[in-house]
Amino acid sequence: QVQLVESGGGLVQPGGSLRLSCAASGSRISINAMGWYRQAPGKERELVARITSGGTTYYVDSVKARFTISRDNAKNTVYLQMNSLKPEDTAVYYCNADIWGGVRLYDYWGQGTQVTVSS
């Protein structure tokens, strides 16, 4: 049974930084891409950043040059370093991973972690 466990959310002032972590648990898992999504109240969930198994990254325009996604394949962990945070970054952040099961990719989600940017 694969689980994604997130940590690192919280309350931060505008201009501050937070680092989110997401660890995938399970024996002998093979992870393809990993990513972070967010959902603000009254809005749809959106992709924030994504990283492939080879390290290719994607960012939504609103976070480019402020957020950095990285991963530690040995630890099955993905990180999201968030700098210069703005109130509009306030949302529940969800970790996502595409994990191989035989010849198929399965989509897994974390439970979500709240990020609040406010003075």
Protein backbone atom coordinates (compact mmCIF):
# COMPACT_ATOMS: atom_id res chain seq x y z
CA GLN A 1 0.00 0.00 0.00
CA VAL A 2 1.56 3.29 -1.13
CA GLN A 3 1.05 6.43 0.92
CA LEU A 4 2.20 9.99 0.34
CA VAL A 5 2.90 11.88 3.55
CA GLU A 6 3.29 15.64 3.38
CA SER A 7 4.83 18.05 5.84
CA GLY A 8 6.01 21.64 6.05
CA GLY A 9 2.90 23.77 5.68
CA GLY A 10 2.00 26.60 8.01
CA LEU A 11 1.47 30.31 8.43
CA VAL A 12 4.04 32.71 6.99
CA GLN A 13 4.17 36.44 6.37
CA PRO A 14 4.28 37.84 2.83
CA GLY A 15 7.79 37.63 1.48
CA GLY A 16 8.62 34.66 3.66
CA SER A 17 9.60 31.11 2.79
CA LEU A 18 8.36 27.60 3.42
CA ARG A 19 9.59 24.19 2.36
CA LEU A 20 7.12 21.38 1.72
CA SER A 21 8.15 17.74 1.77
CA CYS A 22 6.32 14.66 0.55
CA ALA A 23 7.59 11.15 1.16
CA ALA A 24 6.19 8.11 -0.61
CA SER A 25 6.09 5.01 1.54
CA GLY A 26 5.86 1.45 0.35
CA SER A 27 8.20 -1.39 -0.50
CA ARG A 28 10.06 -1.46 -3.80
CA ILE A 29 8.08 1.33 -5.42
CA SER A 30 9.08 2.86 -8.74
CA ILE A 31 8.04 6.48 -9.06
CA ASN A 32 7.67 8.28 -12.37
CA ALA A 33 6.78 11.96 -12.09
CA MET A 34 6.02 13.77 -8.83
CA GLY A 35 4.36 17.10 -8.36
CA TRP A 36 2.58 19.63 -6.22
CA TYR A 37 -0.93 20.93 -6.76
CA ARG A 38 -2.83 23.53 -4.77
CA GLN A 39 -6.43 24.45 -4.20
CA ALA A 40 -7.56 27.78 -2.81
CA PRO A 41 -11.07 28.30 -1.41
CA GLY A 42 -13.61 28.58 -4.21
CA LYS A 43 -11.05 27.70 -6.89
CA GLU A 44 -10.16 24.61 -8.84
CA ARG A 45 -7.11 22.55 -8.02
CA GLU A 46 -4.15 23.65 -10.12
CA LEU A 47 -0.77 22.18 -10.93
CA VAL A 48 1.98 24.22 -9.30
CA ALA A 49 5.13 22.31 -10.17
CA ARG A 50 6.11 18.90 -11.48
CA ILE A 51 9.36 16.95 -11.82
CA THR A 52 10.02 13.84 -13.86
CA SER A 53 12.14 10.91 -12.80
CA GLY A 54 14.91 12.37 -14.94
CA GLY A 55 14.72 15.77 -13.27
CA THR A 56 12.86 17.78 -15.89
CA THR A 57 10.75 20.43 -14.18
CA TYR A 58 7.62 22.38 -14.96
CA TYR A 59 6.21 25.42 -13.13
CA VAL A 60 2.98 27.33 -13.48
CA ASP A 61 3.78 30.89 -14.54
CA SER A 62 2.64 32.45 -11.27
CA VAL A 63 5.37 30.70 -9.24
CA LYS A 64 8.30 30.76 -11.67
CA ALA A 65 11.47 32.21 -10.13
CA ARG A 66 9.93 31.90 -6.63
CA PHE A 67 9.33 28.17 -6.17
CA THR A 68 11.76 25.30 -6.74
CA ILE A 69 10.78 21.65 -6.98
CA SER A 70 13.32 18.92 -6.34
CA ARG A 71 13.37 15.24 -5.49
CA ASP A 72 15.52 12.70 -3.73
CA ASN A 73 14.96 9.43 -5.55
CA ALA A 74 16.78 7.42 -2.89
CA LYS A 75 14.28 8.66 -0.31
CA ASN A 76 11.24 8.66 -2.64
CA THR A 77 10.72 12.26 -1.55
CA VAL A 78 9.76 15.43 -3.40
CA TYR A 79 10.28 18.94 -2.06
CA LEU A 80 8.83 22.33 -2.86
CA GLN A 81 10.90 25.31 -1.75
CA MET A 82 8.64 28.36 -1.76
CA ASN A 83 10.26 31.80 -1.52
CA SER A 84 8.86 35.33 -1.76
CA LEU A 85 5.45 34.03 -0.78
CA LYS A 86 2.40 36.12 -1.58
CA PRO A 87 -1.11 36.09 -0.08
CA GLU A 88 -2.38 34.59 -3.33
CA ASP A 89 -0.23 31.51 -2.67
CA THR A 90 -2.55 30.66 0.22
CA ALA A 91 -4.07 27.25 -0.46
CA VAL A 92 -4.06 23.61 0.49
CA TYR A 93 -1.07 22.04 -1.21
CA TYR A 94 -1.30 18.43 -2.37
CA CYS A 95 1.51 16.09 -3.31
CA ASN A 96 0.99 13.86 -6.34
CA ALA A 97 2.98 10.92 -7.66
CA ASP A 98 2.67 8.61 -10.64
CA ILE A 99 3.85 5.20 -9.46
CA TRP A 100 4.41 2.10 -11.55
CA GLY A 101 2.34 -0.98 -10.78
CA GLY A 102 3.41 -3.61 -13.27
CA VAL A 103 3.05 -1.98 -16.69
CA ARG A 104 0.58 0.68 -15.54
CA LEU A 105 1.03 4.04 -13.87
CA TYR A 106 -1.16 4.74 -10.87
CA ASP A 107 -1.99 8.19 -9.53
CA TYR A 108 -1.48 8.81 -5.80
CA TRP A 109 -2.30 11.87 -3.69
CA GLY A 110 -1.24 13.13 -0.31
CA GLN A 111 -3.70 14.34 2.30
CA GLY A 112 -2.89 18.01 1.75
CA THR A 113 -1.10 20.60 3.83
CA GLN A 114 -2.33 24.13 4.48
CA VAL A 115 -0.16 27.08 3.46
CA THR A 116 -1.36 30.48 4.65
CA VAL A 117 0.42 33.68 3.66
CA SER A 118 -0.79 36.57 5.77
CA SER A 119 0.49 39.45 7.84
